[in-house]
Amino acid sequence: MLVDKVKLALEDIRPQLQADGGDLEFVSVSDEGKVTVRLTGACGSCPMATMTLKMGVEAHLKKVVPGVTEVVQA
């Protein structure tokens, strides 16, 4: 199931975010493959959060979870 694959893939990248004082929470995934996450901790207020979301989280999910089309912030 897509939700389970997305959650598992997010666990792969959480340690990198946590090392910088941030984290993320899974919110939802649509039938079209749009994943919504909530950035927390230092990531919630970081000016680089959008880049982290697109270049890091989205790139990783698209690579390892077929069907993911986009990652957006809640």
C-alpha atoms as a PDB file:
ATOM      1  CA  MET A   1       0.000   0.000   0.000  1.00  0.00           C
ATOM      2  CA  LEU A   2       1.284   3.473  -0.917  1.00  0.00           C
ATOM      3  CA  VAL A   3       0.802   4.950   2.577  1.00  0.00           C
ATOM      4  CA  ASP A   4       2.937   2.249   4.181  1.00  0.00           C
ATOM      5  CA  LYS A   5       5.704   2.649   1.579  1.00  0.00           C
ATOM      6  CA  VAL A   6       5.746   6.423   2.046  1.00  0.00           C
ATOM      7  CA  LYS A   7       5.901   6.147   5.854  1.00  0.00           C
ATOM      8  CA  LEU A   8       8.756   3.641   5.616  1.00  0.00           C
ATOM      9  CA  ALA A   9      10.691   5.860   3.194  1.00  0.00           C
ATOM     10  CA  LEU A  10      10.206   8.888   5.463  1.00  0.00           C
ATOM     11  CA  GLU A  11      11.807   6.935   8.306  1.00  0.00           C
ATOM     12  CA  ASP A  12      14.947   6.673   6.135  1.00  0.00           C
ATOM     13  CA  ILE A  13      15.429  10.441   6.040  1.00  0.00           C
ATOM     14  CA  ARG A  14      14.183  11.460   9.494  1.00  0.00           C
ATOM     15  CA  PRO A  15      17.608  10.914  11.173  1.00  0.00           C
ATOM     16  CA  GLN A  16      19.168  13.505   8.853  1.00  0.00           C
ATOM     17  CA  LEU A  17      16.520  16.065   9.782  1.00  0.00           C
ATOM     18  CA  GLN A  18      16.764  15.198  13.473  1.00  0.00           C
ATOM     19  CA  ALA A  19      20.541  15.707  13.366  1.00  0.00           C
ATOM     20  CA  ASP A  20      19.838  19.360  12.510  1.00  0.00           C
ATOM     21  CA  GLY A  21      17.213  19.751  15.233  1.00  0.00           C
ATOM     22  CA  GLY A  22      14.206  19.201  12.980  1.00  0.00           C
ATOM     23  CA  ASP A  23      11.803  16.458  12.097  1.00  0.00           C
ATOM     24  CA  LEU A  24       8.788  15.726   9.959  1.00  0.00           C
ATOM     25  CA  GLU A  25       5.406  14.109  10.425  1.00  0.00           C
ATOM     26  CA  PHE A  26       3.451  12.234   7.780  1.00  0.00           C
ATOM     27  CA  VAL A  27       0.024  13.838   7.236  1.00  0.00           C
ATOM     28  CA  SER A  28      -1.495  12.171   4.175  1.00  0.00           C
ATOM     29  CA  VAL A  29      -1.064  10.873   0.655  1.00  0.00           C
ATOM     30  CA  SER A  30      -3.631  11.426  -2.083  1.00  0.00           C
ATOM     31  CA  ASP A  31      -4.743   8.919  -4.700  1.00  0.00           C
ATOM     32  CA  GLU A  32      -2.706  10.960  -7.201  1.00  0.00           C
ATOM     33  CA  GLY A  33       0.507  10.418  -5.196  1.00  0.00           C
ATOM     34  CA  LYS A  34       0.704  13.854  -3.548  1.00  0.00           C
ATOM     35  CA  VAL A  35       2.316  13.421  -0.123  1.00  0.00           C
ATOM     36  CA  THR A  36       1.646  15.973   2.617  1.00  0.00           C
ATOM     37  CA  VAL A  37       4.055  16.266   5.542  1.00  0.00           C
ATOM     38  CA  ARG A  38       4.460  18.655   8.459  1.00  0.00           C
ATOM     39  CA  LEU A  39       7.953  19.955   9.160  1.00  0.00           C
ATOM     40  CA  THR A  40       8.589  20.367  12.885  1.00  0.00           C
ATOM     41  CA  GLY A  41      11.311  21.529  15.221  1.00  0.00           C
ATOM     42  CA  ALA A  42      14.043  23.576  13.560  1.00  0.00           C
ATOM     43  CA  CYS A  43      12.679  22.587  10.131  1.00  0.00           C
ATOM     44  CA  GLY A  44       9.386  24.331  10.843  1.00  0.00           C
ATOM     45  CA  SER A  45      11.005  27.758  10.917  1.00  0.00           C
ATOM     46  CA  CYS A  46      14.077  27.233   8.766  1.00  0.00           C
ATOM     47  CA  PRO A  47      14.365  29.462   5.680  1.00  0.00           C
ATOM     48  CA  MET A  48      15.777  26.448   3.804  1.00  0.00           C
ATOM     49  CA  ALA A  49      12.744  24.269   4.622  1.00  0.00           C
ATOM     50  CA  THR A  50      11.290  24.494   1.110  1.00  0.00           C
ATOM     51  CA  MET A  51      14.563  23.363  -0.418  1.00  0.00           C
ATOM     52  CA  THR A  52      14.840  20.535   2.113  1.00  0.00           C
ATOM     53  CA  LEU A  53      11.296  19.485   1.295  1.00  0.00           C
ATOM     54  CA  LYS A  54      11.748  19.484  -2.493  1.00  0.00           C
ATOM     55  CA  MET A  55      15.412  18.567  -2.979  1.00  0.00           C
ATOM     56  CA  GLY A  56      15.606  16.158  -0.055  1.00  0.00           C
ATOM     57  CA  VAL A  57      12.282  14.651   0.964  1.00  0.00           C
ATOM     58  CA  GLU A  58      10.511  14.794  -2.406  1.00  0.00           C
ATOM     59  CA  ALA A  59      13.545  13.587  -4.356  1.00  0.00           C
ATOM     60  CA  HIS A  60      14.014  10.637  -1.989  1.00  0.00           C
ATOM     61  CA  LEU A  61      10.355   9.616  -2.035  1.00  0.00           C
ATOM     62  CA  LYS A  62      10.109   9.834  -5.834  1.00  0.00           C
ATOM     63  CA  LYS A  63      13.208   7.651  -6.114  1.00  0.00           C
ATOM     64  CA  VAL A  64      12.155   4.905  -3.701  1.00  0.00           C
ATOM     65  CA  VAL A  65       8.330   4.924  -3.823  1.00  0.00           C
ATOM     66  CA  PRO A  66       6.749   4.473  -7.258  1.00  0.00           C
ATOM     67  CA  GLY A  67       3.626   6.577  -7.554  1.00  0.00           C
ATOM     68  CA  VAL A  68       4.754   9.590  -5.516  1.00  0.00           C
ATOM     69  CA  THR A  69       4.308  12.699  -7.664  1.00  0.00           C
ATOM     70  CA  GLU A  70       4.893  15.581  -5.246  1.00  0.00           C
ATOM     71  CA  VAL A  71       5.606  16.390  -1.599  1.00  0.00           C
ATOM     72  CA  VAL A  72       4.016  19.458  -0.014  1.00  0.00           C
ATOM     73  CA  GLN A  73       4.027  20.987   3.449  1.00  0.00           C
ATOM     74  CA  ALA A  74       0.869  20.987   5.554  1.00  0.00           C
END
